[in-house]
Amino acid sequence: MLKHRGFPGRLPGTDFQFTIRRANPAGPTRLIARVRHADRRPADRRADAAFLEALLAAFGTEPFARGNLDAGRLSWLLGREVVPVDDSFDPEDYGARLRIDLDAARASFPEIVAQHGKSA
């Protein structure tokens, strides 16, 4: 499992996890596209925004491997702001390649994408 060095482990001051420490011996947790309802708690929305901001800072719009990124946190963005790179995407593979869909990210989190300007 690829470890993304320098990537924040969690949202500061909370228990919202962004990365995992070690591979699951039973295999990677399956990534699923979760539905974000409008009535989600503000803390959950802040965690989504902070995670997307960390992804943009670390990878921009370049493809990246899932690696040690938390499956639960990725699942909240999967299928919208974070999309598979190709059709051979395996949601149960630490090596699965993903990328940020900048248009979807801009629609959902305009303030985050604007902060990263043209570098994203």
PDB file of N, CA and C in Angstrom:
ATOM      1  N   MET A   1       0.842  -1.169   0.000  1.00  0.00           N
ATOM      2  CA  MET A   1       0.000   0.000   0.000  1.00  0.00           C
ATOM      3  C   MET A   1       0.893   1.240   0.000  1.00  0.00           C
ATOM      4  N   LEU A   2       0.641   2.110  -0.947  1.00  0.00           N
ATOM      5  CA  LEU A   2       1.378   3.366  -1.047  1.00  0.00           C
ATOM      6  C   LEU A   2       0.957   4.299   0.083  1.00  0.00           C
ATOM      7  N   LYS A   3       1.939   4.842   0.790  1.00  0.00           N
ATOM      8  CA  LYS A   3       1.644   5.828   1.828  1.00  0.00           C
ATOM      9  C   LYS A   3       1.943   7.213   1.274  1.00  0.00           C
ATOM     10  N   HIS A   4       0.967   8.088   1.364  1.00  0.00           N
ATOM     11  CA  HIS A   4       1.117   9.454   0.884  1.00  0.00           C
ATOM     12  C   HIS A   4       1.770  10.283   1.985  1.00  0.00           C
ATOM     13  N   ARG A   5       3.077  10.374   1.934  1.00  0.00           N
ATOM     14  CA  ARG A   5       3.844  11.125   2.940  1.00  0.00           C
ATOM     15  C   ARG A   5       3.497  12.600   2.858  1.00  0.00           C
ATOM     16  N   GLY A   6       3.355  13.231   3.986  1.00  0.00           N
ATOM     17  CA  GLY A   6       3.052  14.657   4.035  1.00  0.00           C
ATOM     18  C   GLY A   6       1.569  14.969   3.957  1.00  0.00           C
ATOM     19  N   PHE A   7       0.737  13.966   3.671  1.00  0.00           N
ATOM     20  CA  PHE A   7      -0.709  14.184   3.601  1.00  0.00           C
ATOM     21  C   PHE A   7      -1.240  14.228   5.033  1.00  0.00           C
ATOM     22  N   PRO A   8      -2.126  15.174   5.369  1.00  0.00           N
ATOM     23  CA  PRO A   8      -2.618  15.246   6.747  1.00  0.00           C
ATOM     24  C   PRO A   8      -3.344  13.961   7.159  1.00  0.00           C
ATOM     25  N   GLY A   9      -3.107  13.504   8.369  1.00  0.00           N
ATOM     26  CA  GLY A   9      -3.715  12.277   8.856  1.00  0.00           C
ATOM     27  C   GLY A   9      -5.168  12.442   9.247  1.00  0.00           C
ATOM     28  N   ARG A  10      -5.539  13.648   9.636  1.00  0.00           N
ATOM     29  CA  ARG A  10      -6.920  13.908  10.045  1.00  0.00           C
ATOM     30  C   ARG A  10      -7.181  15.397  10.014  1.00  0.00           C
ATOM     31  N   LEU A  11      -8.443  15.766  10.166  1.00  0.00           N
ATOM     32  CA  LEU A  11      -8.813  17.171  10.273  1.00  0.00           C
ATOM     33  C   LEU A  11      -8.388  17.638  11.658  1.00  0.00           C
ATOM     34  N   PRO A  12      -7.546  18.648  11.755  1.00  0.00           N
ATOM     35  CA  PRO A  12      -7.044  19.094  13.065  1.00  0.00           C
ATOM     36  C   PRO A  12      -8.174  19.382  14.058  1.00  0.00           C
ATOM     37  N   GLY A  13      -7.976  18.890  15.276  1.00  0.00           N
ATOM     38  CA  GLY A  13      -8.931  19.127  16.336  1.00  0.00           C
ATOM     39  C   GLY A  13     -10.168  18.248  16.305  1.00  0.00           C
ATOM     40  N   THR A  14     -10.188  17.251  15.409  1.00  0.00           N
ATOM     41  CA  THR A  14     -11.354  16.370  15.295  1.00  0.00           C
ATOM     42  C   THR A  14     -10.896  14.922  15.185  1.00  0.00           C
ATOM     43  N   ASP A  15     -11.865  14.029  15.108  1.00  0.00           N
ATOM     44  CA  ASP A  15     -11.575  12.619  14.864  1.00  0.00           C
ATOM     45  C   ASP A  15     -11.867  12.229  13.416  1.00  0.00           C
ATOM     46  N   PHE A  16     -12.011  13.204  12.527  1.00  0.00           N
ATOM     47  CA  PHE A  16     -12.237  12.902  11.110  1.00  0.00           C
ATOM     48  C   PHE A  16     -10.920  12.468  10.486  1.00  0.00           C
ATOM     49  N   GLN A  17     -10.830  11.210  10.159  1.00  0.00           N
ATOM     50  CA  GLN A  17      -9.601  10.598   9.652  1.00  0.00           C
ATOM     51  C   GLN A  17      -9.463  10.807   8.144  1.00  0.00           C
ATOM     52  N   PHE A  18      -8.249  11.113   7.687  1.00  0.00           N
ATOM     53  CA  PHE A  18      -7.956  11.282   6.261  1.00  0.00           C
ATOM     54  C   PHE A  18      -7.108  10.139   5.715  1.00  0.00           C
ATOM     55  N   THR A  19      -6.262   9.551   6.555  1.00  0.00           N
ATOM     56  CA  THR A  19      -5.408   8.442   6.100  1.00  0.00           C
ATOM     57  C   THR A  19      -5.499   7.289   7.097  1.00  0.00           C
ATOM     58  N   ILE A  20      -5.043   6.119   6.639  1.00  0.00           N
ATOM     59  CA  ILE A  20      -4.964   4.961   7.526  1.00  0.00           C
ATOM     60  C   ILE A  20      -3.493   4.651   7.752  1.00  0.00           C
ATOM     61  N   ARG A  21      -3.198   3.999   8.857  1.00  0.00           N
ATOM     62  CA  ARG A  21      -1.800   3.733   9.198  1.00  0.00           C
ATOM     63  C   ARG A  21      -1.238   2.504   8.521  1.00  0.00           C
ATOM     64  N   ARG A  22      -2.063   1.466   8.415  1.00  0.00           N
ATOM     65  CA  ARG A  22      -1.567   0.209   7.828  1.00  0.00           C
ATOM     66  C   ARG A  22      -2.656  -0.435   6.999  1.00  0.00           C
ATOM     67  N   ALA A  23      -2.234  -1.286   6.093  1.00  0.00           N
ATOM     68  CA  ALA A  23      -3.176  -1.997   5.220  1.00  0.00           C
ATOM     69  C   ALA A  23      -4.027  -2.954   6.046  1.00  0.00           C
ATOM     70  N   ASN A  24      -5.261  -3.108   5.656  1.00  0.00           N
ATOM     71  CA  ASN A  24      -6.170  -4.042   6.296  1.00  0.00           C
ATOM     72  C   ASN A  24      -5.785  -5.458   5.864  1.00  0.00           C
ATOM     73  N   PRO A  25      -5.474  -6.367   6.800  1.00  0.00           N
ATOM     74  CA  PRO A  25      -5.072  -7.722   6.418  1.00  0.00           C
ATOM     75  C   PRO A  25      -6.167  -8.475   5.654  1.00  0.00           C
ATOM     76  N   ALA A  26      -7.425  -8.102   5.870  1.00  0.00           N
ATOM     77  CA  ALA A  26      -8.529  -8.750   5.165  1.00  0.00           C
ATOM     78  C   ALA A  26      -8.743  -8.161   3.769  1.00  0.00           C
ATOM     79  N   GLY A  27      -7.997  -7.133   3.424  1.00  0.00           N
ATOM     80  CA  GLY A  27      -8.141  -6.474   2.126  1.00  0.00           C
ATOM     81  C   GLY A  27      -8.685  -5.067   2.296  1.00  0.00           C
ATOM     82  N   PRO A  28      -8.498  -4.248   1.290  1.00  0.00           N
ATOM     83  CA  PRO A  28      -8.938  -2.855   1.360  1.00  0.00           C
ATOM     84  C   PRO A  28     -10.453  -2.732   1.523  1.00  0.00           C
ATOM     85  N   THR A  29     -10.863  -1.735   2.267  1.00  0.00           N
ATOM     86  CA  THR A  29     -12.281  -1.421   2.386  1.00  0.00           C
ATOM     87  C   THR A  29     -12.774  -0.928   1.036  1.00  0.00           C
ATOM     88  N   ARG A  30     -13.937  -1.415   0.632  1.00  0.00           N
ATOM     89  CA  ARG A  30     -14.512  -1.057  -0.673  1.00  0.00           C
ATOM     90  C   ARG A  30     -14.904   0.427  -0.697  1.00  0.00           C
ATOM     91  N   LEU A  31     -14.543   1.111  -1.767  1.00  0.00           N
ATOM     92  CA  LEU A  31     -14.976   2.493  -1.982  1.00  0.00           C
ATOM     93  C   LEU A  31     -16.376   2.462  -2.577  1.00  0.00           C
ATOM     94  N   ILE A  32     -17.276   3.259  -2.033  1.00  0.00           N
ATOM     95  CA  ILE A  32     -18.632   3.369  -2.570  1.00  0.00           C
ATOM     96  C   ILE A  32     -18.994   4.846  -2.638  1.00  0.00           C
ATOM     97  N   ALA A  33     -19.735   5.227  -3.643  1.00  0.00           N
ATOM     98  CA  ALA A  33     -20.160   6.625  -3.762  1.00  0.00           C
ATOM     99  C   ALA A  33     -21.298   6.858  -2.771  1.00  0.00           C
ATOM    100  N   ARG A  34     -21.050   7.658  -1.753  1.00  0.00           N
ATOM    101  CA  ARG A  34     -22.057   7.948  -0.728  1.00  0.00           C
ATOM    102  C   ARG A  34     -22.854   9.193  -1.124  1.00  0.00           C
ATOM    103  N   VAL A  35     -24.114   9.197  -0.779  1.00  0.00           N
ATOM    104  CA  VAL A  35     -24.990  10.333  -1.052  1.00  0.00           C
ATOM    105  C   VAL A  35     -24.810  11.372   0.046  1.00  0.00           C
ATOM    106  N   ARG A  36     -24.514  12.604  -0.358  1.00  0.00           N
ATOM    107  CA  ARG A  36     -24.400  13.701   0.606  1.00  0.00           C
ATOM    108  C   ARG A  36     -25.730  14.444   0.628  1.00  0.00           C
ATOM    109  N   HIS A  37     -26.447  14.324   1.723  1.00  0.00           N
ATOM    110  CA  HIS A  37     -27.731  15.004   1.859  1.00  0.00           C
ATOM    111  C   HIS A  37     -27.514  16.441   2.317  1.00  0.00           C
ATOM    112  N   ALA A  38     -28.454  17.290   1.997  1.00  0.00           N
ATOM    113  CA  ALA A  38     -28.335  18.714   2.328  1.00  0.00           C
ATOM    114  C   ALA A  38     -28.337  18.972   3.832  1.00  0.00           C
ATOM    115  N   ASP A  39     -28.862  18.032   4.611  1.00  0.00           N
ATOM    116  CA  ASP A  39     -28.941  18.255   6.054  1.00  0.00           C
ATOM    117  C   ASP A  39     -27.762  17.655   6.825  1.00  0.00           C
ATOM    118  N   ARG A  40     -26.642  17.397   6.145  1.00  0.00           N
ATOM    119  CA  ARG A  40     -25.457  16.886   6.846  1.00  0.00           C
ATOM    120  C   ARG A  40     -24.971  17.898   7.867  1.00  0.00           C
ATOM    121  N   ARG A  41     -24.380  17.388   8.926  1.00  0.00           N
ATOM    122  CA  ARG A  41     -23.865  18.254   9.988  1.00  0.00           C
ATOM    123  C   ARG A  41     -22.773  19.178   9.441  1.00  0.00           C
ATOM    124  N   PRO A  42     -22.681  20.391   9.961  1.00  0.00           N
ATOM    125  CA  PRO A  42     -21.631  21.311   9.519  1.00  0.00           C
ATOM    126  C   PRO A  42     -20.224  20.729   9.686  1.00  0.00           C
ATOM    127  N   ALA A  43     -19.997  19.960  10.736  1.00  0.00           N
ATOM    128  CA  ALA A  43     -18.674  19.357  10.950  1.00  0.00           C
ATOM    129  C   ALA A  43     -18.343  18.374   9.830  1.00  0.00           C
ATOM    130  N   ASP A  44     -19.332  17.624   9.359  1.00  0.00           N
ATOM    131  CA  ASP A  44     -19.110  16.686   8.256  1.00  0.00           C
ATOM    132  C   ASP A  44     -18.788  17.444   6.966  1.00  0.00           C
ATOM    133  N   ARG A  45     -19.485  18.541   6.741  1.00  0.00           N
ATOM    134  CA  ARG A  45     -19.216  19.347   5.542  1.00  0.00           C
ATOM    135  C   ARG A  45     -17.821  19.952   5.596  1.00  0.00           C
ATOM    136  N   ARG A  46     -17.399  20.398   6.794  1.00  0.00           N
ATOM    137  CA  ARG A  46     -16.040  20.934   6.938  1.00  0.00           C
ATOM    138  C   ARG A  46     -14.991  19.857   6.678  1.00  0.00           C
ATOM    139  N   ALA A  47     -15.260  18.637   7.122  1.00  0.00           N
ATOM    140  CA  ALA A  47     -14.321  17.530   6.886  1.00  0.00           C
ATOM    141  C   ALA A  47     -14.215  17.231   5.395  1.00  0.00           C
ATOM    142  N   ASP A  48     -15.335  17.230   4.672  1.00  0.00           N
ATOM    143  CA  ASP A  48     -15.307  17.010   3.223  1.00  0.00           C
ATOM    144  C   ASP A  48     -14.483  18.093   2.533  1.00  0.00           C
ATOM    145  N   ALA A  49     -14.724  19.338   2.910  1.00  0.00           N
ATOM    146  CA  ALA A  49     -14.008  20.465   2.300  1.00  0.00           C
ATOM    147  C   ALA A  49     -12.515  20.394   2.602  1.00  0.00           C
ATOM    148  N   ALA A  50     -12.165  20.082   3.848  1.00  0.00           N
ATOM    149  CA  ALA A  50     -10.753  20.001   4.221  1.00  0.00           C
ATOM    150  C   ALA A  50     -10.061  18.849   3.505  1.00  0.00           C
ATOM    151  N   PHE A  51     -10.754  17.735   3.340  1.00  0.00           N
ATOM    152  CA  PHE A  51     -10.170  16.588   2.644  1.00  0.00           C
ATOM    153  C   PHE A  51      -9.941  16.925   1.168  1.00  0.00           C
ATOM    154  N   LEU A  52     -10.932  17.555   0.531  1.00  0.00           N
ATOM    155  CA  LEU A  52     -10.761  17.956  -0.867  1.00  0.00           C
ATOM    156  C   LEU A  52      -9.618  18.959  -0.995  1.00  0.00           C
ATOM    157  N   GLU A  53      -9.519  19.879  -0.058  1.00  0.00           N
ATOM    158  CA  GLU A  53      -8.428  20.856  -0.089  1.00  0.00           C
ATOM    159  C   GLU A  53      -7.070  20.161   0.027  1.00  0.00           C
ATOM    160  N   ALA A  54      -6.977  19.159   0.901  1.00  0.00           N
ATOM    161  CA  ALA A  54      -5.727  18.408   1.050  1.00  0.00           C
ATOM    162  C   ALA A  54      -5.404  17.628  -0.224  1.00  0.00           C
ATOM    163  N   LEU A  55      -6.435  17.063  -0.865  1.00  0.00           N
ATOM    164  CA  LEU A  55      -6.220  16.346  -2.139  1.00  0.00           C
ATOM    165  C   LEU A  55      -5.708  17.303  -3.214  1.00  0.00           C
ATOM    166  N   LEU A  56      -6.326  18.478  -3.313  1.00  0.00           N
ATOM    167  CA  LEU A  56      -5.888  19.466  -4.302  1.00  0.00           C
ATOM    168  C   LEU A  56      -4.459  19.923  -4.042  1.00  0.00           C
ATOM    169  N   ALA A  57      -4.130  20.142  -2.780  1.00  0.00           N
ATOM    170  CA  ALA A  57      -2.780  20.585  -2.439  1.00  0.00           C
ATOM    171  C   ALA A  57      -1.754  19.508  -2.745  1.00  0.00           C
ATOM    172  N   ALA A  58      -2.108  18.257  -2.513  1.00  0.00           N
ATOM    173  CA  ALA A  58      -1.162  17.157  -2.711  1.00  0.00           C
ATOM    174  C   ALA A  58      -1.057  16.721  -4.169  1.00  0.00           C
ATOM    175  N   PHE A  59      -2.179  16.684  -4.895  1.00  0.00           N
ATOM    176  CA  PHE A  59      -2.178  16.076  -6.224  1.00  0.00           C
ATOM    177  C   PHE A  59      -2.639  17.000  -7.353  1.00  0.00           C
ATOM    178  N   GLY A  60      -3.314  18.093  -7.033  1.00  0.00           N
ATOM    179  CA  GLY A  60      -3.869  18.933  -8.090  1.00  0.00           C
ATOM    180  C   GLY A  60      -4.860  18.129  -8.905  1.00  0.00           C
ATOM    181  N   THR A  61      -4.775  18.221 -10.211  1.00  0.00           N
ATOM    182  CA  THR A  61      -5.678  17.446 -11.070  1.00  0.00           C
ATOM    183  C   THR A  61      -4.985  16.215 -11.640  1.00  0.00           C
ATOM    184  N   GLU A  62      -3.778  15.928 -11.173  1.00  0.00           N
ATOM    185  CA  GLU A  62      -3.043  14.749 -11.641  1.00  0.00           C
ATOM    186  C   GLU A  62      -3.632  13.475 -11.038  1.00  0.00           C
ATOM    187  N   PRO A  63      -3.586  12.363 -11.764  1.00  0.00           N
ATOM    188  CA  PRO A  63      -4.047  11.088 -11.197  1.00  0.00           C
ATOM    189  C   PRO A  63      -3.207  10.692  -9.983  1.00  0.00           C
ATOM    190  N   PHE A  64      -3.845  10.027  -9.031  1.00  0.00           N
ATOM    191  CA  PHE A  64      -3.147   9.559  -7.835  1.00  0.00           C
ATOM    192  C   PHE A  64      -3.685   8.188  -7.434  1.00  0.00           C
ATOM    193  N   ALA A  65      -2.848   7.441  -6.737  1.00  0.00           N
ATOM    194  CA  ALA A  65      -3.257   6.129  -6.237  1.00  0.00           C
ATOM    195  C   ALA A  65      -4.009   6.303  -4.929  1.00  0.00           C
ATOM    196  N   ARG A  66      -4.981   5.446  -4.709  1.00  0.00           N
ATOM    197  CA  ARG A  66      -5.745   5.481  -3.459  1.00  0.00           C
ATOM    198  C   ARG A  66      -4.819   5.338  -2.251  1.00  0.00           C
ATOM    199  N   GLY A  67      -3.924   4.383  -2.292  1.00  0.00           N
ATOM    200  CA  GLY A  67      -2.945   4.198  -1.231  1.00  0.00           C
ATOM    201  C   GLY A  67      -3.549   4.167   0.152  1.00  0.00           C
ATOM    202  N   ASN A  68      -2.997   4.976   1.058  1.00  0.00           N
ATOM    203  CA  ASN A  68      -3.458   4.961   2.448  1.00  0.00           C
ATOM    204  C   ASN A  68      -4.536   6.004   2.738  1.00  0.00           C
ATOM    205  N   LEU A  69      -5.182   6.542   1.708  1.00  0.00           N
ATOM    206  CA  LEU A  69      -6.267   7.491   1.935  1.00  0.00           C
ATOM    207  C   LEU A  69      -7.477   6.746   2.500  1.00  0.00           C
ATOM    208  N   ASP A  70      -8.142   7.339   3.463  1.00  0.00           N
ATOM    209  CA  ASP A  70      -9.247   6.691   4.156  1.00  0.00           C
ATOM    210  C   ASP A  70     -10.423   6.432   3.212  1.00  0.00           C
ATOM    211  N   ALA A  71     -10.889   5.181   3.196  1.00  0.00           N
ATOM    212  CA  ALA A  71     -11.975   4.786   2.296  1.00  0.00           C
ATOM    213  C   ALA A  71     -13.272   5.522   2.613  1.00  0.00           C
ATOM    214  N   GLY A  72     -13.575   5.682   3.890  1.00  0.00           N
ATOM    215  CA  GLY A  72     -14.802   6.379   4.261  1.00  0.00           C
ATOM    216  C   GLY A  72     -14.807   7.818   3.800  1.00  0.00           C
ATOM    217  N   ARG A  73     -13.695   8.520   3.995  1.00  0.00           N
ATOM    218  CA  ARG A  73     -13.606   9.921   3.591  1.00  0.00           C
ATOM    219  C   ARG A  73     -13.623  10.040   2.071  1.00  0.00           C
ATOM    220  N   LEU A  74     -12.900   9.144   1.368  1.00  0.00           N
ATOM    221  CA  LEU A  74     -12.923   9.161  -0.106  1.00  0.00           C
ATOM    222  C   LEU A  74     -14.319   8.896  -0.640  1.00  0.00           C
ATOM    223  N   SER A  75     -15.049   8.002   0.020  1.00  0.00           N
ATOM    224  CA  SER A  75     -16.381   7.631  -0.459  1.00  0.00           C
ATOM    225  C   SER A  75     -17.353   8.807  -0.462  1.00  0.00           C
ATOM    226  N   TRP A  76     -17.157   9.778   0.436  1.00  0.00           N
ATOM    227  CA  TRP A  76     -18.043  10.945   0.438  1.00  0.00           C
ATOM    228  C   TRP A  76     -17.833  11.821  -0.796  1.00  0.00           C
ATOM    229  N   LEU A  77     -16.670  11.710  -1.452  1.00  0.00           N
ATOM    230  CA  LEU A  77     -16.380  12.518  -2.640  1.00  0.00           C
ATOM    231  C   LEU A  77     -16.431  11.702  -3.935  1.00  0.00           C
ATOM    232  N   LEU A  78     -16.399  10.370  -3.820  1.00  0.00           N
ATOM    233  CA  LEU A  78     -16.314   9.487  -4.985  1.00  0.00           C
ATOM    234  C   LEU A  78     -17.533   9.636  -5.902  1.00  0.00           C
ATOM    235  N   GLY A  79     -17.269   9.700  -7.178  1.00  0.00           N
ATOM    236  CA  GLY A  79     -18.333   9.800  -8.169  1.00  0.00           C
ATOM    237  C   GLY A  79     -18.744  11.225  -8.474  1.00  0.00           C
ATOM    238  N   ARG A  80     -18.242  12.161  -7.705  1.00  0.00           N
ATOM    239  CA  ARG A  80     -18.520  13.580  -7.945  1.00  0.00           C
ATOM    240  C   ARG A  80     -17.192  14.311  -8.090  1.00  0.00           C
ATOM    241  N   GLU A  81     -16.599  14.714  -6.962  1.00  0.00           N
ATOM    242  CA  GLU A  81     -15.352  15.470  -7.003  1.00  0.00           C
ATOM    243  C   GLU A  81     -14.146  14.580  -7.266  1.00  0.00           C
ATOM    244  N   VAL A  82     -14.194  13.340  -6.860  1.00  0.00           N
ATOM    245  CA  VAL A  82     -13.112  12.369  -7.099  1.00  0.00           C
ATOM    246  C   VAL A  82     -13.665  11.258  -7.978  1.00  0.00           C
ATOM    247  N   VAL A  83     -13.016  11.040  -9.112  1.00  0.00           N
ATOM    248  CA  VAL A  83     -13.496  10.045 -10.082  1.00  0.00           C
ATOM    249  C   VAL A  83     -12.369   9.082 -10.457  1.00  0.00           C
ATOM    250  N   PRO A  84     -12.740   7.869 -10.881  1.00  0.00           N
ATOM    251  CA  PRO A  84     -11.723   6.921 -11.350  1.00  0.00           C
ATOM    252  C   PRO A  84     -11.026   7.449 -12.598  1.00  0.00           C
ATOM    253  N   VAL A  85      -9.761   7.074 -12.754  1.00  0.00           N
ATOM    254  CA  VAL A  85      -8.991   7.507 -13.917  1.00  0.00           C
ATOM    255  C   VAL A  85      -9.406   6.734 -15.173  1.00  0.00           C
ATOM    256  N   ASP A  86      -9.686   5.440 -15.009  1.00  0.00           N
ATOM    257  CA  ASP A  86     -10.023   4.626 -16.182  1.00  0.00           C
ATOM    258  C   ASP A  86     -11.120   3.622 -15.842  1.00  0.00           C
ATOM    259  N   ASP A  87     -11.537   2.850 -16.855  1.00  0.00           N
ATOM    260  CA  ASP A  87     -12.631   1.891 -16.695  1.00  0.00           C
ATOM    261  C   ASP A  87     -12.246   0.666 -15.885  1.00  0.00           C
ATOM    262  N   SER A  88     -10.956   0.428 -15.695  1.00  0.00           N
ATOM    263  CA  SER A  88     -10.519  -0.747 -14.956  1.00  0.00           C
ATOM    264  C   SER A  88     -10.457  -0.485 -13.453  1.00  0.00           C
ATOM    265  N   PHE A  89     -11.164   0.519 -12.974  1.00  0.00           N
ATOM    266  CA  PHE A  89     -11.174   0.899 -11.562  1.00  0.00           C
ATOM    267  C   PHE A  89     -11.671  -0.249 -10.697  1.00  0.00           C
ATOM    268  N   ASP A  90     -10.900  -0.583  -9.675  1.00  0.00           N
ATOM    269  CA  ASP A  90     -11.276  -1.613  -8.709  1.00  0.00           C
ATOM    270  C   ASP A  90     -11.469  -0.933  -7.357  1.00  0.00           C
ATOM    271  N   PRO A  91     -12.709  -0.862  -6.848  1.00  0.00           N
ATOM    272  CA  PRO A  91     -12.948  -0.154  -5.585  1.00  0.00           C
ATOM    273  C   PRO A  91     -12.347  -0.849  -4.363  1.00  0.00           C
ATOM    274  N   GLU A  92     -11.789  -2.038  -4.545  1.00  0.00           N
ATOM    275  CA  GLU A  92     -11.168  -2.766  -3.431  1.00  0.00           C
ATOM    276  C   GLU A  92      -9.678  -2.965  -3.667  1.00  0.00           C
ATOM    277  N   ASP A  93      -9.011  -1.948  -4.246  1.00  0.00           N
ATOM    278  CA  ASP A  93      -7.587  -2.030  -4.544  1.00  0.00           C
ATOM    279  C   ASP A  93      -6.896  -0.770  -4.033  1.00  0.00           C
ATOM    280  N   TYR A  94      -5.849  -0.958  -3.222  1.00  0.00           N
ATOM    281  CA  TYR A  94      -5.087   0.196  -2.731  1.00  0.00           C
ATOM    282  C   TYR A  94      -4.388   0.924  -3.884  1.00  0.00           C
ATOM    283  N   GLY A  95      -4.176   0.249  -5.000  1.00  0.00           N
ATOM    284  CA  GLY A  95      -3.516   0.859  -6.146  1.00  0.00           C
ATOM    285  C   GLY A  95      -4.468   1.534  -7.116  1.00  0.00           C
ATOM    286  N   ALA A  96      -5.775   1.534  -6.820  1.00  0.00           N
ATOM    287  CA  ALA A  96      -6.764   2.150  -7.710  1.00  0.00           C
ATOM    288  C   ALA A  96      -6.389   3.604  -7.965  1.00  0.00           C
ATOM    289  N   ARG A  97      -6.473   4.011  -9.232  1.00  0.00           N
ATOM    290  CA  ARG A  97      -6.076   5.367  -9.602  1.00  0.00           C
ATOM    291  C   ARG A  97      -7.304   6.263  -9.709  1.00  0.00           C
ATOM    292  N   LEU A  98      -7.188   7.426  -9.085  1.00  0.00           N
ATOM    293  CA  LEU A  98      -8.267   8.405  -9.027  1.00  0.00           C
ATOM    294  C   LEU A  98      -7.749   9.763  -9.464  1.00  0.00           C
ATOM    295  N   ARG A  99      -8.663  10.685  -9.699  1.00  0.00           N
ATOM    296  CA  ARG A  99      -8.281  12.064  -9.992  1.00  0.00           C
ATOM    297  C   ARG A  99      -9.416  12.978  -9.545  1.00  0.00           C
ATOM    298  N   ILE A 100      -9.099  14.243  -9.394  1.00  0.00           N
ATOM    299  CA  ILE A 100     -10.108  15.227  -8.998  1.00  0.00           C
ATOM    300  C   ILE A 100     -10.767  15.779 -10.254  1.00  0.00           C
ATOM    301  N   ASP A 101     -12.096  15.756 -10.278  1.00  0.00           N
ATOM    302  CA  ASP A 101     -12.860  16.385 -11.358  1.00  0.00           C
ATOM    303  C   ASP A 101     -13.024  17.848 -10.944  1.00  0.00           C
ATOM    304  N   LEU A 102     -12.225  18.700 -11.528  1.00  0.00           N
ATOM    305  CA  LEU A 102     -12.162  20.097 -11.115  1.00  0.00           C
ATOM    306  C   LEU A 102     -13.494  20.824 -11.301  1.00  0.00           C
ATOM    307  N   ASP A 103     -14.238  20.509 -12.355  1.00  0.00           N
ATOM    308  CA  ASP A 103     -15.535  21.167 -12.567  1.00  0.00           C
ATOM    309  C   ASP A 103     -16.522  20.799 -11.466  1.00  0.00           C
ATOM    310  N   ALA A 104     -16.575  19.521 -11.106  1.00  0.00           N
ATOM    311  CA  ALA A 104     -17.471  19.084 -10.027  1.00  0.00           C
ATOM    312  C   ALA A 104     -17.018  19.664  -8.695  1.00  0.00           C
ATOM    313  N   ALA A 105     -15.718  19.701  -8.467  1.00  0.00           N
ATOM    314  CA  ALA A 105     -15.187  20.270  -7.224  1.00  0.00           C
ATOM    315  C   ALA A 105     -15.519  21.748  -7.130  1.00  0.00           C
ATOM    316  N   ARG A 106     -15.412  22.449  -8.244  1.00  0.00           N
ATOM    317  CA  ARG A 106     -15.723  23.886  -8.271  1.00  0.00           C
ATOM    318  C   ARG A 106     -17.210  24.115  -7.978  1.00  0.00           C
ATOM    319  N   ALA A 107     -18.078  23.244  -8.492  1.00  0.00           N
ATOM    320  CA  ALA A 107     -19.515  23.384  -8.255  1.00  0.00           C
ATOM    321  C   ALA A 107     -19.875  23.122  -6.794  1.00  0.00           C
ATOM    322  N   SER A 108     -19.221  22.140  -6.168  1.00  0.00           N
ATOM    323  CA  SER A 108     -19.543  21.768  -4.788  1.00  0.00           C
ATOM    324  C   SER A 108     -18.802  22.596  -3.739  1.00  0.00           C
ATOM    325  N   PHE A 109     -17.546  22.927  -4.038  1.00  0.00           N
ATOM    326  CA  PHE A 109     -16.691  23.631  -3.074  1.00  0.00           C
ATOM    327  C   PHE A 109     -15.969  24.782  -3.777  1.00  0.00           C
ATOM    328  N   PRO A 110     -16.708  25.806  -4.225  1.00  0.00           N
ATOM    329  CA  PRO A 110     -16.075  26.884  -5.003  1.00  0.00           C
ATOM    330  C   PRO A 110     -14.974  27.621  -4.242  1.00  0.00           C
ATOM    331  N   GLU A 111     -15.136  27.776  -2.936  1.00  0.00           N
ATOM    332  CA  GLU A 111     -14.128  28.511  -2.151  1.00  0.00           C
ATOM    333  C   GLU A 111     -12.814  27.750  -2.074  1.00  0.00           C
ATOM    334  N   ILE A 112     -12.865  26.420  -2.045  1.00  0.00           N
ATOM    335  CA  ILE A 112     -11.663  25.597  -1.975  1.00  0.00           C
ATOM    336  C   ILE A 112     -10.906  25.656  -3.306  1.00  0.00           C
ATOM    337  N   VAL A 113     -11.630  25.484  -4.397  1.00  0.00           N
ATOM    338  CA  VAL A 113     -10.993  25.491  -5.716  1.00  0.00           C
ATOM    339  C   VAL A 113     -10.437  26.880  -6.018  1.00  0.00           C
ATOM    340  N   ALA A 114     -11.147  27.930  -5.632  1.00  0.00           N
ATOM    341  CA  ALA A 114     -10.668  29.291  -5.867  1.00  0.00           C
ATOM    342  C   ALA A 114      -9.364  29.563  -5.116  1.00  0.00           C
ATOM    343  N   GLN A 115      -9.218  28.999  -3.927  1.00  0.00           N
ATOM    344  CA  GLN A 115      -7.977  29.174  -3.150  1.00  0.00           C
ATOM    345  C   GLN A 115      -6.778  28.580  -3.864  1.00  0.00           C
ATOM    346  N   HIS A 116      -7.015  27.526  -4.615  1.00  0.00           N
ATOM    347  CA  HIS A 116      -5.908  26.852  -5.287  1.00  0.00           C
ATOM    348  C   HIS A 116      -5.674  27.394  -6.692  1.00  0.00           C
ATOM    349  N   GLY A 117      -6.547  28.289  -7.121  1.00  0.00           N
ATOM    350  CA  GLY A 117      -6.359  28.990  -8.392  1.00  0.00           C
ATOM    351  C   GLY A 117      -6.042  28.082  -9.555  1.00  0.00           C
ATOM    352  N   LYS A 118      -5.158  28.529 -10.420  1.00  0.00           N
ATOM    353  CA  LYS A 118      -4.824  27.802 -11.631  1.00  0.00           C
ATOM    354  C   LYS A 118      -3.893  26.619 -11.360  1.00  0.00           C
ATOM    355  N   SER A 119      -3.320  26.541 -10.166  1.00  0.00           N
ATOM    356  CA  SER A 119      -2.430  25.415  -9.866  1.00  0.00           C
ATOM    357  C   SER A 119      -3.204  24.116  -9.743  1.00  0.00           C
ATOM    358  N   ALA A 120      -4.520  24.193  -9.509  1.00  0.00           N
ATOM    359  CA  ALA A 120      -5.312  22.979  -9.356  1.00  0.00           C
ATOM    360  C   ALA A 120      -5.826  22.471 -10.657  1.00  0.00           C
TER     361      ALA A 120
END
